[in-house]
PDB file of N, CA and C in Angstrom:
ATOM      1  N   MET A   1       8.714  -3.606  16.951  1.00  0.00           N
ATOM      2  CA  MET A   1       7.572  -4.359  16.463  1.00  0.00           C
ATOM      3  C   MET A   1       8.084  -5.637  15.801  1.00  0.00           C
ATOM      4  N   GLN A   2       7.723  -6.760  16.345  1.00  0.00           N
ATOM      5  CA  GLN A   2       8.119  -8.027  15.745  1.00  0.00           C
ATOM      6  C   GLN A   2       7.401  -8.180  14.415  1.00  0.00           C
ATOM      7  N   GLY A   3       8.127  -8.575  13.375  1.00  0.00           N
ATOM      8  CA  GLY A   3       7.556  -8.705  12.043  1.00  0.00           C
ATOM      9  C   GLY A   3       7.805  -7.496  11.166  1.00  0.00           C
ATOM     10  N   VAL A   4       8.521  -6.502  11.698  1.00  0.00           N
ATOM     11  CA  VAL A   4       8.876  -5.313  10.932  1.00  0.00           C
ATOM     12  C   VAL A   4      10.366  -5.366  10.644  1.00  0.00           C
ATOM     13  N   ASP A   5      10.727  -5.202   9.367  1.00  0.00           N
ATOM     14  CA  ASP A   5      12.136  -5.158   8.985  1.00  0.00           C
ATOM     15  C   ASP A   5      12.425  -3.782   8.409  1.00  0.00           C
ATOM     16  N   PRO A   6      12.993  -2.880   9.207  1.00  0.00           N
ATOM     17  CA  PRO A   6      13.219  -1.515   8.745  1.00  0.00           C
ATOM     18  C   PRO A   6      14.249  -1.383   7.629  1.00  0.00           C
ATOM     19  N   SER A   7      15.011  -2.422   7.365  1.00  0.00           N
ATOM     20  CA  SER A   7      16.063  -2.330   6.350  1.00  0.00           C
ATOM     21  C   SER A   7      15.575  -2.631   4.932  1.00  0.00           C
ATOM     22  N   VAL A   8      14.375  -3.191   4.787  1.00  0.00           N
ATOM     23  CA  VAL A   8      13.888  -3.610   3.472  1.00  0.00           C
ATOM     24  C   VAL A   8      13.253  -2.434   2.728  1.00  0.00           C
ATOM     25  N   PRO A   9      13.748  -2.134   1.528  1.00  0.00           N
ATOM     26  CA  PRO A   9      13.145  -1.046   0.760  1.00  0.00           C
ATOM     27  C   PRO A   9      11.804  -1.469   0.153  1.00  0.00           C
ATOM     28  N   PRO A  10      10.993  -0.499  -0.261  1.00  0.00           N
ATOM     29  CA  PRO A  10       9.727  -0.845  -0.912  1.00  0.00           C
ATOM     30  C   PRO A  10       9.958  -1.562  -2.236  1.00  0.00           C
ATOM     31  N   SER A  11       8.992  -2.387  -2.622  1.00  0.00           N
ATOM     32  CA  SER A  11       9.118  -3.184  -3.846  1.00  0.00           C
ATOM     33  C   SER A  11       9.009  -2.361  -5.118  1.00  0.00           C
ATOM     34  N   GLY A  12       8.516  -1.158  -5.028  1.00  0.00           N
ATOM     35  CA  GLY A  12       8.351  -0.300  -6.197  1.00  0.00           C
ATOM     36  C   GLY A  12       7.634   0.968  -5.808  1.00  0.00           C
ATOM     37  N   THR A  13       7.046   1.629  -6.803  1.00  0.00           N
ATOM     38  CA  THR A  13       6.353   2.895  -6.544  1.00  0.00           C
ATOM     39  C   THR A  13       4.844   2.776  -6.658  1.00  0.00           C
ATOM     40  N   GLY A  14       4.357   1.609  -7.072  1.00  0.00           N
ATOM     41  CA  GLY A  14       2.923   1.381  -7.211  1.00  0.00           C
ATOM     42  C   GLY A  14       2.564  -0.022  -6.783  1.00  0.00           C
ATOM     43  N   CYS A  15       1.280  -0.331  -6.792  1.00  0.00           N
ATOM     44  CA  CYS A  15       0.815  -1.660  -6.396  1.00  0.00           C
ATOM     45  C   CYS A  15       1.399  -2.716  -7.336  1.00  0.00           C
ATOM     46  N   ALA A  16       2.127  -3.654  -6.761  1.00  0.00           N
ATOM     47  CA  ALA A  16       2.809  -4.680  -7.557  1.00  0.00           C
ATOM     48  C   ALA A  16       1.827  -5.496  -8.393  1.00  0.00           C
ATOM     49  N   GLU A  17       0.712  -5.906  -7.798  1.00  0.00           N
ATOM     50  CA  GLU A  17      -0.256  -6.740  -8.521  1.00  0.00           C
ATOM     51  C   GLU A  17      -1.011  -5.954  -9.584  1.00  0.00           C
ATOM     52  N   CYS A  18      -1.411  -4.719  -9.277  1.00  0.00           N
ATOM     53  CA  CYS A  18      -2.108  -3.905 -10.279  1.00  0.00           C
ATOM     54  C   CYS A  18      -1.216  -3.656 -11.485  1.00  0.00           C
ATOM     55  N   ASP A  19       0.062  -3.395 -11.235  1.00  0.00           N
ATOM     56  CA  ASP A  19       0.999  -3.146 -12.328  1.00  0.00           C
ATOM     57  C   ASP A  19       1.308  -4.410 -13.122  1.00  0.00           C
ATOM     58  N   ALA A  20       1.429  -5.552 -12.452  1.00  0.00           N
ATOM     59  CA  ALA A  20       1.853  -6.788 -13.119  1.00  0.00           C
ATOM     60  C   ALA A  20       0.720  -7.527 -13.813  1.00  0.00           C
ATOM     61  N   ALA A  21      -0.428  -7.611 -13.168  1.00  0.00           N
ATOM     62  CA  ALA A  21      -1.504  -8.472 -13.676  1.00  0.00           C
ATOM     63  C   ALA A  21      -2.416  -7.788 -14.674  1.00  0.00           C
ATOM     64  N   ASP A  22      -2.568  -6.506 -14.563  1.00  0.00           N
ATOM     65  CA  ASP A  22      -3.532  -5.816 -15.411  1.00  0.00           C
ATOM     66  C   ASP A  22      -2.976  -4.457 -15.776  1.00  0.00           C
ATOM     67  N   PRO A  23      -2.618  -4.271 -17.031  1.00  0.00           N
ATOM     68  CA  PRO A  23      -2.062  -2.971 -17.404  1.00  0.00           C
ATOM     69  C   PRO A  23      -3.055  -1.824 -17.202  1.00  0.00           C
ATOM     70  N   GLN A  24      -4.304  -2.133 -16.968  1.00  0.00           N
ATOM     71  CA  GLN A  24      -5.290  -1.097 -16.690  1.00  0.00           C
ATOM     72  C   GLN A  24      -5.579  -0.973 -15.206  1.00  0.00           C
ATOM     73  N   GLY A  25      -4.850  -1.701 -14.368  1.00  0.00           N
ATOM     74  CA  GLY A  25      -5.069  -1.654 -12.927  1.00  0.00           C
ATOM     75  C   GLY A  25      -4.775  -0.279 -12.357  1.00  0.00           C
ATOM     76  N   TRP A  26      -5.517   0.075 -11.338  1.00  0.00           N
ATOM     77  CA  TRP A  26      -5.326   1.369 -10.674  1.00  0.00           C
ATOM     78  C   TRP A  26      -5.643   1.208  -9.196  1.00  0.00           C
ATOM     79  N   TRP A  27      -5.260   2.200  -8.413  1.00  0.00           N
ATOM     80  CA  TRP A  27      -5.452   2.129  -6.969  1.00  0.00           C
ATOM     81  C   TRP A  27      -5.871   3.488  -6.438  1.00  0.00           C
ATOM     82  N   PHE A  28      -6.462   3.446  -5.247  1.00  0.00           N
ATOM     83  CA  PHE A  28      -6.850   4.661  -4.541  1.00  0.00           C
ATOM     84  C   PHE A  28      -5.671   5.159  -3.705  1.00  0.00           C
ATOM     85  N   HIS A  29      -5.215   4.334  -2.767  1.00  0.00           N
ATOM     86  CA  HIS A  29      -4.040   4.648  -1.959  1.00  0.00           C
ATOM     87  C   HIS A  29      -3.160   3.408  -1.846  1.00  0.00           C
ATOM     88  N   LEU A  30      -1.909   3.626  -1.471  1.00  0.00           N
ATOM     89  CA  LEU A  30      -0.937   2.537  -1.409  1.00  0.00           C
ATOM     90  C   LEU A  30      -0.524   2.235   0.019  1.00  0.00           C
ATOM     91  N   ARG A  31      -0.215   0.943   0.253  1.00  0.00           N
ATOM     92  CA  ARG A  31       0.259   0.455   1.548  1.00  0.00           C
ATOM     93  C   ARG A  31       1.542  -0.325   1.328  1.00  0.00           C
ATOM     94  N   ARG A  32       2.434  -0.239   2.312  1.00  0.00           N
ATOM     95  CA  ARG A  32       3.744  -0.898   2.235  1.00  0.00           C
ATOM     96  C   ARG A  32       3.842  -1.936   3.341  1.00  0.00           C
ATOM     97  N   CYS A  33       4.126  -3.180   2.968  1.00  0.00           N
ATOM     98  CA  CYS A  33       4.325  -4.231   3.958  1.00  0.00           C
ATOM     99  C   CYS A  33       5.589  -3.890   4.755  1.00  0.00           C
ATOM    100  N   ALA A  34       5.443  -3.838   6.065  1.00  0.00           N
ATOM    101  CA  ALA A  34       6.578  -3.491   6.922  1.00  0.00           C
ATOM    102  C   ALA A  34       7.515  -4.678   7.136  1.00  0.00           C
ATOM    103  N   GLY A  35       7.117  -5.858   6.661  1.00  0.00           N
ATOM    104  CA  GLY A  35       7.963  -7.032   6.789  1.00  0.00           C
ATOM    105  C   GLY A  35       8.853  -7.268   5.590  1.00  0.00           C
ATOM    106  N   CYS A  36       8.297  -7.059   4.387  1.00  0.00           N
ATOM    107  CA  CYS A  36       9.066  -7.389   3.180  1.00  0.00           C
ATOM    108  C   CYS A  36       9.128  -6.260   2.152  1.00  0.00           C
ATOM    109  N   GLY A  37       8.417  -5.162   2.371  1.00  0.00           N
ATOM    110  CA  GLY A  37       8.464  -4.034   1.456  1.00  0.00           C
ATOM    111  C   GLY A  37       7.464  -4.074   0.324  1.00  0.00           C
ATOM    112  N   HIS A  38       6.657  -5.128   0.235  1.00  0.00           N
ATOM    113  CA  HIS A  38       5.666  -5.245  -0.840  1.00  0.00           C
ATOM    114  C   HIS A  38       4.734  -4.038  -0.841  1.00  0.00           C
ATOM    115  N   ILE A  39       4.540  -3.435  -2.017  1.00  0.00           N
ATOM    116  CA  ILE A  39       3.589  -2.330  -2.160  1.00  0.00           C
ATOM    117  C   ILE A  39       2.299  -2.891  -2.738  1.00  0.00           C
ATOM    118  N   GLY A  40       1.211  -2.656  -2.035  1.00  0.00           N
ATOM    119  CA  GLY A  40      -0.111  -3.100  -2.467  1.00  0.00           C
ATOM    120  C   GLY A  40      -1.110  -1.973  -2.314  1.00  0.00           C
ATOM    121  N   CYS A  41      -2.258  -2.139  -2.955  1.00  0.00           N
ATOM    122  CA  CYS A  41      -3.293  -1.111  -2.877  1.00  0.00           C
ATOM    123  C   CYS A  41      -4.174  -1.325  -1.651  1.00  0.00           C
ATOM    124  N   CYS A  42      -4.765  -0.241  -1.181  1.00  0.00           N
ATOM    125  CA  CYS A  42      -5.556  -0.236   0.056  1.00  0.00           C
ATOM    126  C   CYS A  42      -6.889  -0.972  -0.120  1.00  0.00           C
ATOM    127  N   ASP A  43      -7.589  -1.152   0.980  1.00  0.00           N
ATOM    128  CA  ASP A  43      -8.866  -1.865   0.962  1.00  0.00           C
ATOM    129  C   ASP A  43      -9.979  -1.107   0.260  1.00  0.00           C
ATOM    130  N   SER A  44      -9.826   0.187   0.054  1.00  0.00           N
ATOM    131  CA  SER A  44     -10.809   0.941  -0.726  1.00  0.00           C
ATOM    132  C   SER A  44     -10.589   0.750  -2.227  1.00  0.00           C
ATOM    133  N   SER A  45      -9.406   0.326  -2.619  1.00  0.00           N
ATOM    134  CA  SER A  45      -9.067   0.117  -4.024  1.00  0.00           C
ATOM    135  C   SER A  45      -9.758  -1.130  -4.562  1.00  0.00           C
ATOM    136  N   PRO A  46     -10.000  -1.184  -5.871  1.00  0.00           N
ATOM    137  CA  PRO A  46     -10.663  -2.365  -6.449  1.00  0.00           C
ATOM    138  C   PRO A  46      -9.944  -3.675  -6.150  1.00  0.00           C
ATOM    139  N   GLY A  47      -8.603  -3.695  -6.181  1.00  0.00           N
ATOM    140  CA  GLY A  47      -7.863  -4.943  -6.007  1.00  0.00           C
ATOM    141  C   GLY A  47      -7.635  -5.375  -4.575  1.00  0.00           C
ATOM    142  N   GLN A  48      -7.598  -4.454  -3.642  1.00  0.00           N
ATOM    143  CA  GLN A  48      -7.356  -4.739  -2.231  1.00  0.00           C
ATOM    144  C   GLN A  48      -6.132  -5.649  -2.037  1.00  0.00           C
ATOM    145  N   HIS A  49      -5.060  -5.338  -2.753  1.00  0.00           N
ATOM    146  CA  HIS A  49      -3.897  -6.222  -2.779  1.00  0.00           C
ATOM    147  C   HIS A  49      -3.046  -6.196  -1.514  1.00  0.00           C
ATOM    148  N   ALA A  50      -3.033  -5.105  -0.754  1.00  0.00           N
ATOM    149  CA  ALA A  50      -2.261  -5.097   0.495  1.00  0.00           C
ATOM    150  C   ALA A  50      -2.830  -6.104   1.489  1.00  0.00           C
ATOM    151  N   SER A  51      -4.145  -6.132   1.642  1.00  0.00           N
ATOM    152  CA  SER A  51      -4.784  -7.106   2.545  1.00  0.00           C
ATOM    153  C   SER A  51      -4.569  -8.530   2.055  1.00  0.00           C
ATOM    154  N   ALA A  52      -4.658  -8.730   0.750  1.00  0.00           N
ATOM    155  CA  ALA A  52      -4.447 -10.067   0.193  1.00  0.00           C
ATOM    156  C   ALA A  52      -3.016 -10.532   0.467  1.00  0.00           C
ATOM    157  N   HIS A  53      -2.062  -9.624   0.344  1.00  0.00           N
ATOM    158  CA  HIS A  53      -0.664  -9.969   0.637  1.00  0.00           C
ATOM    159  C   HIS A  53      -0.510 -10.373   2.103  1.00  0.00           C
ATOM    160  N   ALA A  54      -1.112  -9.607   3.005  1.00  0.00           N
ATOM    161  CA  ALA A  54      -1.025  -9.922   4.431  1.00  0.00           C
ATOM    162  C   ALA A  54      -1.636 -11.294   4.722  1.00  0.00           C
ATOM    163  N   ALA A  55      -2.774 -11.585   4.118  1.00  0.00           N
ATOM    164  CA  ALA A  55      -3.435 -12.872   4.338  1.00  0.00           C
ATOM    165  C   ALA A  55      -2.605 -14.032   3.787  1.00  0.00           C
ATOM    166  N   ALA A  56      -1.989 -13.834   2.635  1.00  0.00           N
ATOM    167  CA  ALA A  56      -1.225 -14.907   1.992  1.00  0.00           C
ATOM    168  C   ALA A  56       0.120 -15.169   2.675  1.00  0.00           C
ATOM    169  N   THR A  57       0.718 -14.123   3.234  1.00  0.00           N
ATOM    170  CA  THR A  57       2.070 -14.260   3.770  1.00  0.00           C
ATOM    171  C   THR A  57       2.127 -14.314   5.301  1.00  0.00           C
ATOM    172  N   GLY A  58       1.079 -13.820   5.960  1.00  0.00           N
ATOM    173  CA  GLY A  58       1.117 -13.700   7.409  1.00  0.00           C
ATOM    174  C   GLY A  58       1.860 -12.466   7.883  1.00  0.00           C
ATOM    175  N   HIS A  59       2.246 -11.598   6.967  1.00  0.00           N
ATOM    176  CA  HIS A  59       2.902 -10.342   7.333  1.00  0.00           C
ATOM    177  C   HIS A  59       1.828  -9.407   7.870  1.00  0.00           C
ATOM    178  N   ARG A  60       1.874  -9.131   9.147  1.00  0.00           N
ATOM    179  CA  ARG A  60       0.737  -8.475   9.794  1.00  0.00           C
ATOM    180  C   ARG A  60       0.743  -6.965   9.763  1.00  0.00           C
ATOM    181  N   PHE A  61       1.897  -6.311   9.532  1.00  0.00           N
ATOM    182  CA  PHE A  61       1.966  -4.854   9.604  1.00  0.00           C
ATOM    183  C   PHE A  61       2.162  -4.219   8.235  1.00  0.00           C
ATOM    184  N   VAL A  62       1.409  -3.158   7.976  1.00  0.00           N
ATOM    185  CA  VAL A  62       1.638  -2.309   6.808  1.00  0.00           C
ATOM    186  C   VAL A  62       1.786  -0.871   7.292  1.00  0.00           C
ATOM    187  N   ARG A  63       2.442  -0.110   6.466  1.00  0.00           N
ATOM    188  CA  ARG A  63       2.531   1.333   6.703  1.00  0.00           C
ATOM    189  C   ARG A  63       1.959   2.022   5.486  1.00  0.00           C
ATOM    190  N   SER A  64       1.345   3.166   5.707  1.00  0.00           N
ATOM    191  CA  SER A  64       0.876   3.957   4.575  1.00  0.00           C
ATOM    192  C   SER A  64       2.067   4.292   3.684  1.00  0.00           C
ATOM    193  N   PHE A  65       1.836   4.269   2.375  1.00  0.00           N
ATOM    194  CA  PHE A  65       2.870   4.647   1.411  1.00  0.00           C
ATOM    195  C   PHE A  65       2.463   5.951   0.729  1.00  0.00           C
ATOM    196  N   GLU A  66       1.684   6.749   1.455  1.00  0.00           N
ATOM    197  CA  GLU A  66       1.218   8.038   0.965  1.00  0.00           C
ATOM    198  C   GLU A  66       2.037   9.159   1.615  1.00  0.00           C
ATOM    199  N   PRO A  67       2.329  10.221   0.861  1.00  0.00           N
ATOM    200  CA  PRO A  67       3.094  11.343   1.408  1.00  0.00           C
ATOM    201  C   PRO A  67       2.415  11.935   2.647  1.00  0.00           C
ATOM    202  N   GLY A  68       3.217  12.219   3.660  1.00  0.00           N
ATOM    203  CA  GLY A  68       2.712  12.850   4.872  1.00  0.00           C
ATOM    204  C   GLY A  68       2.046  11.914   5.858  1.00  0.00           C
ATOM    205  N   GLU A  69       1.986  10.627   5.566  1.00  0.00           N
ATOM    206  CA  GLU A  69       1.350   9.654   6.460  1.00  0.00           C
ATOM    207  C   GLU A  69       2.404   8.689   6.991  1.00  0.00           C
ATOM    208  N   GLU A  70       2.427   8.506   8.307  1.00  0.00           N
ATOM    209  CA  GLU A  70       3.419   7.628   8.937  1.00  0.00           C
ATOM    210  C   GLU A  70       2.774   6.509   9.743  1.00  0.00           C
ATOM    211  N   TRP A  71       1.465   6.330   9.645  1.00  0.00           N
ATOM    212  CA  TRP A  71       0.775   5.343  10.466  1.00  0.00           C
ATOM    213  C   TRP A  71       1.000   3.916   9.962  1.00  0.00           C
ATOM    214  N   PHE A  72       0.871   2.987  10.906  1.00  0.00           N
ATOM    215  CA  PHE A  72       0.958   1.553  10.638  1.00  0.00           C
ATOM    216  C   PHE A  72      -0.399   0.923  10.955  1.00  0.00           C
ATOM    217  N   TRP A  73      -0.699  -0.178  10.300  1.00  0.00           N
ATOM    218  CA  TRP A  73      -1.909  -0.958  10.572  1.00  0.00           C
ATOM    219  C   TRP A  73      -1.486  -2.388  10.896  1.00  0.00           C
ATOM    220  N   ASP A  74      -2.086  -2.951  11.920  1.00  0.00           N
ATOM    221  CA  ASP A  74      -1.844  -4.334  12.319  1.00  0.00           C
ATOM    222  C   ASP A  74      -3.053  -5.155  11.897  1.00  0.00           C
ATOM    223  N   TYR A  75      -2.882  -5.998  10.883  1.00  0.00           N
ATOM    224  CA  TYR A  75      -3.986  -6.826  10.385  1.00  0.00           C
ATOM    225  C   TYR A  75      -4.446  -7.849  11.418  1.00  0.00           C
ATOM    226  N   ASP A  76      -3.529  -8.358  12.233  1.00  0.00           N
ATOM    227  CA  ASP A  76      -3.912  -9.364  13.232  1.00  0.00           C
ATOM    228  C   ASP A  76      -4.818  -8.776  14.307  1.00  0.00           C
ATOM    229  N   GLU A  77      -4.437  -7.639  14.833  1.00  0.00           N
ATOM    230  CA  GLU A  77      -5.187  -7.019  15.933  1.00  0.00           C
ATOM    231  C   GLU A  77      -6.226  -6.011  15.451  1.00  0.00           C
ATOM    232  N   GLN A  78      -6.188  -5.677  14.137  1.00  0.00           N
ATOM    233  CA  GLN A  78      -7.106  -4.688  13.564  1.00  0.00           C
ATOM    234  C   GLN A  78      -7.017  -3.353  14.307  1.00  0.00           C
ATOM    235  N   VAL A  79      -5.784  -2.878  14.451  1.00  0.00           N
ATOM    236  CA  VAL A  79      -5.540  -1.637  15.174  1.00  0.00           C
ATOM    237  C   VAL A  79      -4.510  -0.792  14.424  1.00  0.00           C
ATOM    238  N   MET A  80      -4.671   0.546  14.517  1.00  0.00           N
ATOM    239  CA  MET A  80      -3.756   1.476  13.872  1.00  0.00           C
ATOM    240  C   MET A  80      -2.806   2.058  14.910  1.00  0.00           C
ATOM    241  N   PHE A  81      -1.568   2.286  14.487  1.00  0.00           N
ATOM    242  CA  PHE A  81      -0.561   2.964  15.292  1.00  0.00           C
ATOM    243  C   PHE A  81      -0.212   4.262  14.566  1.00  0.00           C
ATOM    244  N   GLU A  82      -0.219   5.361  15.276  1.00  0.00           N
ATOM    245  CA  GLU A  82       0.069   6.665  14.664  1.00  0.00           C
ATOM    246  C   GLU A  82       1.476   6.744  14.087  1.00  0.00           C
ATOM    247  N   SER A  83       2.394   5.969  14.638  1.00  0.00           N
ATOM    248  CA  SER A  83       3.774   5.960  14.144  1.00  0.00           C
ATOM    249  C   SER A  83       4.411   4.624  14.501  1.00  0.00           C
ATOM    250  N   GLY A  84       5.619   4.447  14.034  1.00  0.00           N
ATOM    251  CA  GLY A  84       6.362   3.223  14.295  1.00  0.00           C
ATOM    252  C   GLY A  84       7.800   3.433  13.881  1.00  0.00           C
ATOM    253  N   PRO A  85       8.537   2.348  13.720  1.00  0.00           N
ATOM    254  CA  PRO A  85       9.945   2.500  13.354  1.00  0.00           C
ATOM    255  C   PRO A  85      10.107   3.100  11.958  1.00  0.00           C
ATOM    256  N   ALA A  86      11.192   3.824  11.774  1.00  0.00           N
ATOM    257  CA  ALA A  86      11.516   4.363  10.455  1.00  0.00           C
ATOM    258  C   ALA A  86      11.849   3.199   9.529  1.00  0.00           C
ATOM    259  N   LEU A  87      11.326   3.256   8.314  1.00  0.00           N
ATOM    260  CA  LEU A  87      11.587   2.213   7.315  1.00  0.00           C
ATOM    261  C   LEU A  87      12.545   2.754   6.262  1.00  0.00           C
ATOM    262  N   ALA A  88      13.186   1.845   5.543  1.00  0.00           N
ATOM    263  CA  ALA A  88      14.115   2.234   4.481  1.00  0.00           C
ATOM    264  C   ALA A  88      13.415   3.144   3.473  1.00  0.00           C
ATOM    265  N   GLU A  89      14.148   4.081   2.969  1.00  0.00           N
ATOM    266  CA  GLU A  89      13.618   5.027   1.971  1.00  0.00           C
ATOM    267  C   GLU A  89      13.371   4.325   0.635  1.00  0.00           C
ATOM    268  N   PRO A  90      12.471   4.832  -0.172  1.00  0.00           N
ATOM    269  CA  PRO A  90      11.618   5.985   0.059  1.00  0.00           C
ATOM    270  C   PRO A  90      10.448   5.655   0.988  1.00  0.00           C
ATOM    271  N   ALA A  91       9.979   6.676   1.698  1.00  0.00           N
ATOM    272  CA  ALA A  91       8.917   6.494   2.689  1.00  0.00           C
ATOM    273  C   ALA A  91       7.525   6.602   2.096  1.00  0.00           C
ATOM    274  N   HIS A  92       7.421   7.035   0.840  1.00  0.00           N
ATOM    275  CA  HIS A  92       6.110   7.211   0.210  1.00  0.00           C
ATOM    276  C   HIS A  92       6.243   7.148  -1.310  1.00  0.00           C
ATOM    277  N   ARG A  93       5.085   7.069  -1.964  1.00  0.00           N
ATOM    278  CA  ARG A  93       5.077   7.080  -3.429  1.00  0.00           C
ATOM    279  C   ARG A  93       5.682   8.384  -3.931  1.00  0.00           C
ATOM    280  N   PRO A  94       6.128   8.429  -5.202  1.00  0.00           N
ATOM    281  CA  PRO A  94       6.663   9.681  -5.738  1.00  0.00           C
ATOM    282  C   PRO A  94       5.602  10.786  -5.694  1.00  0.00           C
ATOM    283  N   LEU A  95       6.016  11.981  -5.371  1.00  0.00           N
ATOM    284  CA  LEU A  95       5.094  13.110  -5.305  1.00  0.00           C
ATOM    285  C   LEU A  95       4.455  13.405  -6.655  1.00  0.00           C
ATOM    286  N   THR A  96       5.101  13.015  -7.732  1.00  0.00           N
ATOM    287  CA  THR A  96       4.553  13.236  -9.074  1.00  0.00           C
ATOM    288  C   THR A  96       3.479  12.211  -9.441  1.00  0.00           C
ATOM    289  N   GLN A  97       3.361  11.156  -8.671  1.00  0.00           N
ATOM    290  CA  GLN A  97       2.371  10.099  -8.923  1.00  0.00           C
ATOM    291  C   GLN A  97       1.044  10.494  -8.282  1.00  0.00           C
ATOM    292  N   THR A  98      -0.024  10.435  -9.040  1.00  0.00           N
ATOM    293  CA  THR A  98      -1.323  10.859  -8.546  1.00  0.00           C
ATOM    294  C   THR A  98      -1.953   9.842  -7.597  1.00  0.00           C
ATOM    295  N   ALA A  99      -2.903  10.319  -6.812  1.00  0.00           N
ATOM    296  CA  ALA A  99      -3.737   9.458  -5.972  1.00  0.00           C
ATOM    297  C   ALA A  99      -5.174   9.939  -6.148  1.00  0.00           C
ATOM    298  N   PRO A 100      -6.076   9.120  -6.684  1.00  0.00           N
ATOM    299  CA  PRO A 100      -5.776   7.766  -7.130  1.00  0.00           C
ATOM    300  C   PRO A 100      -4.799   7.771  -8.304  1.00  0.00           C
ATOM    301  N   GLY A 101      -4.245   6.614  -8.552  1.00  0.00           N
ATOM    302  CA  GLY A 101      -3.228   6.534  -9.588  1.00  0.00           C
ATOM    303  C   GLY A 101      -3.111   5.148 -10.167  1.00  0.00           C
ATOM    304  N   PRO A 102      -2.223   4.979 -11.089  1.00  0.00           N
ATOM    305  CA  PRO A 102      -1.401   6.025 -11.667  1.00  0.00           C
ATOM    306  C   PRO A 102      -2.164   6.824 -12.722  1.00  0.00           C
ATOM    307  N   ALA A 103      -1.691   8.020 -12.974  1.00  0.00           N
ATOM    308  CA  ALA A 103      -2.323   8.890 -13.968  1.00  0.00           C
ATOM    309  C   ALA A 103      -2.433   8.140 -15.296  1.00  0.00           C
ATOM    310  N   GLY A 104      -3.537   8.321 -15.945  1.00  0.00           N
ATOM    311  CA  GLY A 104      -3.762   7.665 -17.231  1.00  0.00           C
ATOM    312  C   GLY A 104      -4.472   6.331 -17.131  1.00  0.00           C
ATOM    313  N   ARG A 105      -4.553   5.754 -15.938  1.00  0.00           N
ATOM    314  CA  ARG A 105      -5.230   4.466 -15.774  1.00  0.00           C
ATOM    315  C   ARG A 105      -6.441   4.556 -14.846  1.00  0.00           C
ATOM    316  N   VAL A 106      -6.690   5.704 -14.274  1.00  0.00           N
ATOM    317  CA  VAL A 106      -7.805   5.867 -13.347  1.00  0.00           C
ATOM    318  C   VAL A 106      -9.065   6.184 -14.149  1.00  0.00           C
ATOM    319  N   PRO A 107     -10.120   5.380 -14.006  1.00  0.00           N
ATOM    320  CA  PRO A 107     -11.352   5.650 -14.754  1.00  0.00           C
ATOM    321  C   PRO A 107     -12.037   6.928 -14.263  1.00  0.00           C
ATOM    322  N   GLU A 108     -12.804   7.543 -15.136  1.00  0.00           N
ATOM    323  CA  GLU A 108     -13.495   8.785 -14.775  1.00  0.00           C
ATOM    324  C   GLU A 108     -14.430   8.597 -13.590  1.00  0.00           C
ATOM    325  N   ASP A 109     -15.047   7.434 -13.485  1.00  0.00           N
ATOM    326  CA  ASP A 109     -15.984   7.173 -12.386  1.00  0.00           C
ATOM    327  C   ASP A 109     -15.317   6.428 -11.224  1.00  0.00           C
ATOM    328  N   TRP A 110     -14.039   6.697 -10.991  1.00  0.00           N
ATOM    329  CA  TRP A 110     -13.263   5.975  -9.986  1.00  0.00           C
ATOM    330  C   TRP A 110     -13.917   5.989  -8.613  1.00  0.00           C
ATOM    331  N   ASN A 111     -14.512   7.105  -8.230  1.00  0.00           N
ATOM    332  CA  ASN A 111     -15.084   7.191  -6.884  1.00  0.00           C
ATOM    333  C   ASN A 111     -16.283   6.254  -6.691  1.00  0.00           C
ATOM    334  N   ARG A 112     -16.959   5.883  -7.751  1.00  0.00           N
ATOM    335  CA  ARG A 112     -18.061   4.920  -7.659  1.00  0.00           C
ATOM    336  C   ARG A 112     -17.549   3.480  -7.583  1.00  0.00           C
ATOM    337  N   ARG A 113     -16.298   3.263  -7.945  1.00  0.00           N
ATOM    338  CA  ARG A 113     -15.720   1.907  -7.964  1.00  0.00           C
ATOM    339  C   ARG A 113     -14.980   1.538  -6.679  1.00  0.00           C
ATOM    340  N   LEU A 114     -14.924   2.448  -5.732  1.00  0.00           N
ATOM    341  CA  LEU A 114     -14.217   2.195  -4.486  1.00  0.00           C
ATOM    342  C   LEU A 114     -15.003   1.240  -3.606  1.00  0.00           C
ATOM    343  N   HIS A 115     -14.281   0.455  -2.827  1.00  0.00           N
ATOM    344  CA  HIS A 115     -14.899  -0.387  -1.788  1.00  0.00           C
ATOM    345  C   HIS A 115     -15.114   0.512  -0.577  1.00  0.00           C
ATOM    346  N   ARG A 116     -16.280   0.442  -0.010  1.00  0.00           N
ATOM    347  CA  ARG A 116     -16.589   1.320   1.138  1.00  0.00           C
ATOM    348  C   ARG A 116     -16.642   0.517   2.396  1.00  0.00           C
TER     349      ARG A 116
END
């Protein structure tokens, strides 16, 4: 897949923008840029930072950063791939990290705040 760099590790264990810009930021699920390793929150999350990263950088592929999920999404073609090349470890968020997460920052009414 052109635009995928399997050697780049993830940028962290949570959404970079949610963690940096707002100490109260939280996410539903996480996505990993397959080009640069940036971790952003999914489109259902309040911040939608993975899509914003793709739009700002032109990096078209993300992979789920959730345990047990290996699918990729192509923002340019708007299509999902069930699998793709193996990426540098770790392949998912820490198992101790909640989804939605992170623990302690998720509001009680989180499910009403999701983008549908």
